[in-house]
Amino acid sequence: MSQNPKSAGDTLTKESSKTKEPPLFKVILLNDDYTTMEFVISMLQNVFRKSQEEAQQIMMSVHQNGRGIAGIYVREIAETKIAIVQQLSRREEFPLKCIMEPE
């Protein structure tokens, strides 16, 4: 006699597994007295893929407010963008700082 693991009245329930969105982080450029505005705009356009207008606005925020949000990304991408900015800044001998904060 074969055994059926389910009796006639059992109901199958589908386990729903919601995928949780990964946390996002703001990548923030910090103002200094040495990095040129042109270099900051270049970073924003080339590393963060901002348009000329967006890059100009973010650069002005950095200049006037001491900081500006370059983008919002998952942790790994934010860390990579920061590393690229640091590498390019060092190569050009600018002290541009870039940090990340949880959104």
N, C-alpha and C. Protein backbone atom coordinates (compact mmCIF):
# COMPACT_ATOMS: atom_id res chain seq x y z
N MET A 1 0.84 -1.15 0.00
CA MET A 1 0.00 0.00 0.00
C MET A 1 0.90 1.24 0.00
N SER A 2 0.71 2.14 -0.95
CA SER A 2 1.54 3.35 -1.01
C SER A 2 0.98 4.39 -0.06
N GLN A 3 1.88 5.15 0.49
CA GLN A 3 1.45 6.18 1.40
C GLN A 3 1.45 7.52 0.69
N ASN A 4 0.36 8.22 0.82
CA ASN A 4 0.25 9.55 0.25
C ASN A 4 0.53 10.54 1.38
N PRO A 5 1.56 11.41 1.20
CA PRO A 5 1.87 12.34 2.29
C PRO A 5 0.76 13.34 2.55
N LYS A 6 -0.15 13.49 1.65
CA LYS A 6 -1.23 14.46 1.85
C LYS A 6 -2.55 13.70 1.93
N SER A 7 -3.36 14.15 2.80
CA SER A 7 -4.70 13.59 2.83
C SER A 7 -5.58 14.46 1.95
N ALA A 8 -6.73 14.05 1.67
CA ALA A 8 -7.60 14.71 0.70
C ALA A 8 -7.92 16.16 1.05
N GLY A 9 -7.94 16.53 2.30
CA GLY A 9 -8.34 17.87 2.68
C GLY A 9 -7.20 18.87 2.85
N ASP A 10 -5.94 18.44 2.66
CA ASP A 10 -4.80 19.34 2.86
C ASP A 10 -4.74 20.41 1.76
N THR A 11 -4.30 21.58 2.16
CA THR A 11 -4.15 22.70 1.23
C THR A 11 -2.67 23.04 1.10
N LEU A 12 -2.27 23.25 -0.13
CA LEU A 12 -0.89 23.67 -0.35
C LEU A 12 -0.82 25.18 -0.18
N THR A 13 0.17 25.63 0.55
CA THR A 13 0.38 27.07 0.67
C THR A 13 1.72 27.40 0.04
N LYS A 14 1.69 28.42 -0.75
CA LYS A 14 2.91 28.85 -1.41
C LYS A 14 3.63 29.81 -0.48
N GLU A 15 4.89 29.48 -0.21
CA GLU A 15 5.67 30.37 0.63
C GLU A 15 6.07 31.57 -0.22
N SER A 16 5.73 32.73 0.29
CA SER A 16 6.13 33.92 -0.46
C SER A 16 7.41 34.45 0.17
N SER A 17 8.39 34.59 -0.66
CA SER A 17 9.65 35.13 -0.17
C SER A 17 9.87 36.47 -0.88
N LYS A 18 9.61 37.51 -0.13
CA LYS A 18 9.82 38.84 -0.69
C LYS A 18 11.30 39.15 -0.63
N THR A 19 11.82 39.62 -1.75
CA THR A 19 13.21 40.03 -1.74
C THR A 19 13.30 41.44 -1.18
N LYS A 20 14.21 41.60 -0.28
CA LYS A 20 14.38 42.89 0.37
C LYS A 20 15.31 43.75 -0.48
N GLU A 21 14.92 44.98 -0.70
CA GLU A 21 15.74 45.91 -1.46
C GLU A 21 17.03 46.18 -0.69
N PRO A 22 18.17 46.21 -1.38
CA PRO A 22 19.41 46.51 -0.66
C PRO A 22 19.42 47.97 -0.20
N PRO A 23 20.09 48.25 0.90
CA PRO A 23 20.15 49.63 1.37
C PRO A 23 20.93 50.50 0.39
N LEU A 24 20.54 51.76 0.30
CA LEU A 24 21.18 52.69 -0.61
C LEU A 24 22.06 53.66 0.18
N PHE A 25 23.09 54.16 -0.51
CA PHE A 25 24.03 55.09 0.10
C PHE A 25 24.23 56.29 -0.79
N LYS A 26 24.30 57.47 -0.16
CA LYS A 26 24.59 58.71 -0.88
C LYS A 26 26.10 58.83 -0.99
N VAL A 27 26.58 59.12 -2.20
CA VAL A 27 27.99 59.43 -2.40
C VAL A 27 28.08 60.95 -2.40
N ILE A 28 28.90 61.48 -1.49
CA ILE A 28 28.95 62.91 -1.26
C ILE A 28 30.37 63.43 -1.52
N LEU A 29 30.45 64.48 -2.33
CA LEU A 29 31.72 65.16 -2.55
C LEU A 29 31.85 66.27 -1.52
N LEU A 30 33.05 66.42 -0.96
CA LEU A 30 33.29 67.44 0.06
C LEU A 30 34.17 68.55 -0.51
N ASN A 31 33.88 69.76 -0.11
CA ASN A 31 34.62 70.93 -0.59
C ASN A 31 36.01 70.99 0.03
N ASP A 32 36.95 71.54 -0.74
CA ASP A 32 38.27 71.86 -0.23
C ASP A 32 38.72 73.14 -0.93
N ASP A 33 39.84 73.67 -0.51
CA ASP A 33 40.30 74.95 -1.06
C ASP A 33 41.21 74.80 -2.28
N TYR A 34 41.47 73.59 -2.72
CA TYR A 34 42.46 73.37 -3.78
C TYR A 34 41.92 72.74 -5.05
N THR A 35 40.96 71.85 -4.93
CA THR A 35 40.43 71.17 -6.11
C THR A 35 39.67 72.18 -6.98
N THR A 36 39.96 72.18 -8.26
CA THR A 36 39.32 73.15 -9.15
C THR A 36 37.88 72.75 -9.44
N MET A 37 37.08 73.75 -9.74
CA MET A 37 35.69 73.50 -10.10
C MET A 37 35.62 72.65 -11.37
N GLU A 38 36.52 72.88 -12.29
CA GLU A 38 36.54 72.12 -13.54
C GLU A 38 36.78 70.63 -13.29
N PHE A 39 37.68 70.34 -12.33
CA PHE A 39 37.96 68.94 -12.01
C PHE A 39 36.74 68.27 -11.39
N VAL A 40 36.07 68.98 -10.50
CA VAL A 40 34.86 68.43 -9.86
C VAL A 40 33.80 68.15 -10.92
N ILE A 41 33.60 69.08 -11.83
CA ILE A 41 32.63 68.88 -12.91
C ILE A 41 33.02 67.67 -13.76
N SER A 42 34.30 67.56 -14.05
CA SER A 42 34.79 66.42 -14.83
C SER A 42 34.50 65.09 -14.11
N MET A 43 34.73 65.04 -12.80
CA MET A 43 34.43 63.83 -12.01
C MET A 43 32.95 63.49 -12.09
N LEU A 44 32.13 64.51 -11.92
CA LEU A 44 30.68 64.29 -11.93
C LEU A 44 30.21 63.78 -13.29
N GLN A 45 30.79 64.29 -14.35
CA GLN A 45 30.37 63.86 -15.69
C GLN A 45 30.92 62.47 -16.03
N ASN A 46 32.18 62.22 -15.71
CA ASN A 46 32.81 60.98 -16.15
C ASN A 46 32.59 59.80 -15.20
N VAL A 47 32.61 60.05 -13.91
CA VAL A 47 32.45 58.96 -12.94
C VAL A 47 30.98 58.73 -12.60
N PHE A 48 30.24 59.83 -12.45
CA PHE A 48 28.84 59.72 -12.01
C PHE A 48 27.84 59.89 -13.14
N ARG A 49 28.33 60.09 -14.36
CA ARG A 49 27.50 60.19 -15.57
C ARG A 49 26.43 61.28 -15.48
N LYS A 50 26.83 62.44 -14.96
CA LYS A 50 25.93 63.58 -14.88
C LYS A 50 26.06 64.43 -16.14
N SER A 51 24.98 65.08 -16.51
CA SER A 51 25.03 66.01 -17.63
C SER A 51 25.83 67.25 -17.21
N GLN A 52 26.18 68.07 -18.17
CA GLN A 52 26.91 69.31 -17.88
C GLN A 52 26.13 70.16 -16.87
N GLU A 53 24.84 70.28 -17.08
CA GLU A 53 24.00 71.11 -16.21
C GLU A 53 23.94 70.53 -14.79
N GLU A 54 23.69 69.20 -14.68
CA GLU A 54 23.64 68.57 -13.37
C GLU A 54 24.97 68.69 -12.64
N ALA A 55 26.06 68.46 -13.37
CA ALA A 55 27.39 68.54 -12.78
C ALA A 55 27.66 69.94 -12.26
N GLN A 56 27.25 70.94 -13.02
CA GLN A 56 27.43 72.34 -12.61
C GLN A 56 26.66 72.62 -11.32
N GLN A 57 25.42 72.14 -11.24
CA GLN A 57 24.60 72.37 -10.05
C GLN A 57 25.18 71.68 -8.82
N ILE A 58 25.64 70.44 -8.98
CA ILE A 58 26.23 69.71 -7.85
C ILE A 58 27.53 70.38 -7.42
N MET A 59 28.35 70.78 -8.39
CA MET A 59 29.60 71.46 -8.08
C MET A 59 29.34 72.74 -7.29
N MET A 60 28.32 73.50 -7.67
CA MET A 60 27.99 74.72 -6.94
C MET A 60 27.52 74.41 -5.52
N SER A 61 26.80 73.31 -5.35
CA SER A 61 26.39 72.89 -4.01
C SER A 61 27.61 72.56 -3.16
N VAL A 62 28.57 71.86 -3.76
CA VAL A 62 29.81 71.54 -3.05
C VAL A 62 30.52 72.84 -2.66
N HIS A 63 30.61 73.75 -3.60
CA HIS A 63 31.32 75.01 -3.38
C HIS A 63 30.63 75.89 -2.32
N GLN A 64 29.32 75.99 -2.40
CA GLN A 64 28.59 76.89 -1.50
C GLN A 64 28.23 76.26 -0.15
N ASN A 65 27.92 74.97 -0.17
CA ASN A 65 27.44 74.31 1.06
C ASN A 65 28.47 73.40 1.70
N GLY A 66 29.61 73.21 1.04
CA GLY A 66 30.64 72.35 1.59
C GLY A 66 30.49 70.88 1.21
N ARG A 67 29.40 70.55 0.57
CA ARG A 67 29.14 69.15 0.17
C ARG A 67 28.06 69.10 -0.87
N GLY A 68 28.08 68.04 -1.65
CA GLY A 68 27.05 67.84 -2.66
C GLY A 68 26.89 66.36 -2.97
N ILE A 69 25.67 65.94 -3.18
CA ILE A 69 25.38 64.54 -3.44
C ILE A 69 25.64 64.25 -4.92
N ALA A 70 26.61 63.38 -5.17
CA ALA A 70 26.97 63.00 -6.53
C ALA A 70 26.06 61.90 -7.07
N GLY A 71 25.51 61.09 -6.17
CA GLY A 71 24.62 60.01 -6.60
C GLY A 71 24.22 59.14 -5.43
N ILE A 72 23.25 58.26 -5.69
CA ILE A 72 22.75 57.33 -4.67
C ILE A 72 22.81 55.94 -5.26
N TYR A 73 23.52 55.04 -4.56
CA TYR A 73 23.80 53.71 -5.10
C TYR A 73 23.75 52.66 -4.00
N VAL A 74 23.76 51.39 -4.41
CA VAL A 74 23.94 50.30 -3.46
C VAL A 74 25.39 50.37 -2.98
N ARG A 75 25.68 49.74 -1.86
CA ARG A 75 26.98 49.86 -1.20
C ARG A 75 28.16 49.60 -2.14
N GLU A 76 28.15 48.51 -2.86
CA GLU A 76 29.29 48.13 -3.68
C GLU A 76 29.58 49.16 -4.77
N ILE A 77 28.54 49.67 -5.38
CA ILE A 77 28.73 50.68 -6.43
C ILE A 77 29.21 51.98 -5.82
N ALA A 78 28.65 52.37 -4.68
CA ALA A 78 29.09 53.59 -4.00
C ALA A 78 30.57 53.49 -3.63
N GLU A 79 30.99 52.35 -3.09
CA GLU A 79 32.39 52.17 -2.73
C GLU A 79 33.30 52.24 -3.95
N THR A 80 32.86 51.67 -5.06
CA THR A 80 33.64 51.71 -6.29
C THR A 80 33.77 53.13 -6.82
N LYS A 81 32.69 53.87 -6.82
CA LYS A 81 32.73 55.26 -7.28
C LYS A 81 33.68 56.09 -6.42
N ILE A 82 33.64 55.91 -5.11
CA ILE A 82 34.53 56.62 -4.21
C ILE A 82 35.98 56.28 -4.51
N ALA A 83 36.27 55.01 -4.71
CA ALA A 83 37.64 54.59 -5.01
C ALA A 83 38.13 55.21 -6.31
N ILE A 84 37.28 55.29 -7.31
CA ILE A 84 37.66 55.89 -8.59
C ILE A 84 37.96 57.37 -8.41
N VAL A 85 37.09 58.08 -7.68
CA VAL A 85 37.31 59.51 -7.44
C VAL A 85 38.63 59.71 -6.70
N GLN A 86 38.90 58.91 -5.69
CA GLN A 86 40.14 59.04 -4.93
C GLN A 86 41.35 58.79 -5.82
N GLN A 87 41.28 57.77 -6.64
CA GLN A 87 42.39 57.44 -7.53
C GLN A 87 42.66 58.57 -8.53
N LEU A 88 41.62 59.06 -9.16
CA LEU A 88 41.78 60.13 -10.15
C LEU A 88 42.24 61.43 -9.49
N SER A 89 41.73 61.70 -8.29
CA SER A 89 42.13 62.92 -7.58
C SER A 89 43.61 62.87 -7.21
N ARG A 90 44.06 61.72 -6.72
CA ARG A 90 45.48 61.58 -6.38
C ARG A 90 46.36 61.75 -7.61
N ARG A 91 45.92 61.15 -8.71
CA ARG A 91 46.70 61.23 -9.95
C ARG A 91 46.88 62.68 -10.41
N GLU A 92 45.83 63.48 -10.21
CA GLU A 92 45.87 64.89 -10.61
C GLU A 92 46.36 65.81 -9.47
N GLU A 93 46.72 65.18 -8.34
CA GLU A 93 47.24 65.89 -7.17
C GLU A 93 46.23 66.88 -6.57
N PHE A 94 44.97 66.45 -6.52
CA PHE A 94 43.92 67.22 -5.86
C PHE A 94 43.51 66.48 -4.58
N PRO A 95 43.15 67.20 -3.54
CA PRO A 95 42.74 66.56 -2.28
C PRO A 95 41.22 66.29 -2.20
N LEU A 96 40.55 66.17 -3.32
CA LEU A 96 39.10 65.98 -3.32
C LEU A 96 38.71 64.76 -2.48
N LYS A 97 37.81 64.98 -1.55
CA LYS A 97 37.31 63.91 -0.68
C LYS A 97 35.90 63.53 -1.09
N CYS A 98 35.63 62.24 -0.95
CA CYS A 98 34.35 61.67 -1.32
C CYS A 98 33.98 60.68 -0.23
N ILE A 99 32.77 60.80 0.32
CA ILE A 99 32.32 59.89 1.38
C ILE A 99 30.98 59.30 1.01
N MET A 100 30.53 58.32 1.79
CA MET A 100 29.18 57.79 1.59
C MET A 100 28.46 57.76 2.92
N GLU A 101 27.16 57.99 2.84
CA GLU A 101 26.28 57.97 4.00
C GLU A 101 25.03 57.18 3.64
N PRO A 102 24.45 56.48 4.62
CA PRO A 102 23.21 55.77 4.34
C PRO A 102 22.12 56.75 3.93
N GLU A 103 21.28 56.33 3.02
CA GLU A 103 20.18 57.21 2.58
C GLU A 103 19.11 57.22 3.64
